[in-house]
Amino acid sequence: PEKAKRYREEKNPTEEEACSMCGDVCAIKMVDKYLK
């Protein structure tokens, strides 16, 4: 668990609104943006 936590913290900065998998092309993030 500690190794996975460290990897996640390195790859996913806390100020990011999307995960590292899709980043700026996140479908959930895009839909949220257009529904507001």
C-alpha atoms as a PDB file:
ATOM      1  CA  PRO A   1       0.000   0.000   0.000  1.00  0.00           C
ATOM      2  CA  GLU A   2       2.808   2.469   0.749  1.00  0.00           C
ATOM      3  CA  LYS A   3       4.447   1.986  -2.651  1.00  0.00           C
ATOM      4  CA  ALA A   4       1.128   2.491  -4.472  1.00  0.00           C
ATOM      5  CA  LYS A   5       0.400   5.591  -2.394  1.00  0.00           C
ATOM      6  CA  ARG A   6       3.799   7.049  -3.254  1.00  0.00           C
ATOM      7  CA  TYR A   7       3.282   6.375  -6.983  1.00  0.00           C
ATOM      8  CA  ARG A   8      -0.147   8.028  -6.887  1.00  0.00           C
ATOM      9  CA  GLU A   9       1.178  11.091  -5.080  1.00  0.00           C
ATOM     10  CA  GLU A  10       4.008  11.443  -7.609  1.00  0.00           C
ATOM     11  CA  LYS A  11       1.763  11.090 -10.660  1.00  0.00           C
ATOM     12  CA  ASN A  12      -1.355  12.915  -9.445  1.00  0.00           C
ATOM     13  CA  PRO A  13      -0.643  16.353  -7.999  1.00  0.00           C
ATOM     14  CA  THR A  14      -3.323  17.418  -5.517  1.00  0.00           C
ATOM     15  CA  GLU A  15      -4.166  20.569  -7.488  1.00  0.00           C
ATOM     16  CA  GLU A  16      -5.174  18.532 -10.546  1.00  0.00           C
ATOM     17  CA  GLU A  17      -8.894  18.017 -11.116  1.00  0.00           C
ATOM     18  CA  ALA A  18      -8.460  14.886 -13.217  1.00  0.00           C
ATOM     19  CA  CYS A  19      -6.590  11.647 -12.770  1.00  0.00           C
ATOM     20  CA  SER A  20      -3.334  10.832 -14.516  1.00  0.00           C
ATOM     21  CA  MET A  21      -5.043   8.369 -16.862  1.00  0.00           C
ATOM     22  CA  CYS A  22      -6.835  10.871 -19.098  1.00  0.00           C
ATOM     23  CA  GLY A  23      -5.770  14.284 -17.788  1.00  0.00           C
ATOM     24  CA  ASP A  24      -7.147  17.164 -19.874  1.00  0.00           C
ATOM     25  CA  VAL A  25      -9.316  14.886 -22.035  1.00  0.00           C
ATOM     26  CA  CYS A  26     -11.245  13.514 -19.044  1.00  0.00           C
ATOM     27  CA  ALA A  27     -14.859  12.933 -20.100  1.00  0.00           C
ATOM     28  CA  ILE A  28     -16.215  13.617 -16.617  1.00  0.00           C
ATOM     29  CA  LYS A  29     -14.253  16.863 -16.359  1.00  0.00           C
ATOM     30  CA  MET A  30     -15.456  17.981 -19.819  1.00  0.00           C
ATOM     31  CA  VAL A  31     -19.119  17.216 -19.086  1.00  0.00           C
ATOM     32  CA  ASP A  32     -18.895  19.012 -15.747  1.00  0.00           C
ATOM     33  CA  LYS A  33     -17.422  22.062 -17.493  1.00  0.00           C
ATOM     34  CA  TYR A  34     -20.233  22.254 -20.052  1.00  0.00           C
ATOM     35  CA  LEU A  35     -23.049  21.625 -17.569  1.00  0.00           C
ATOM     36  CA  LYS A  36     -22.027  24.582 -15.404  1.00  0.00           C
END
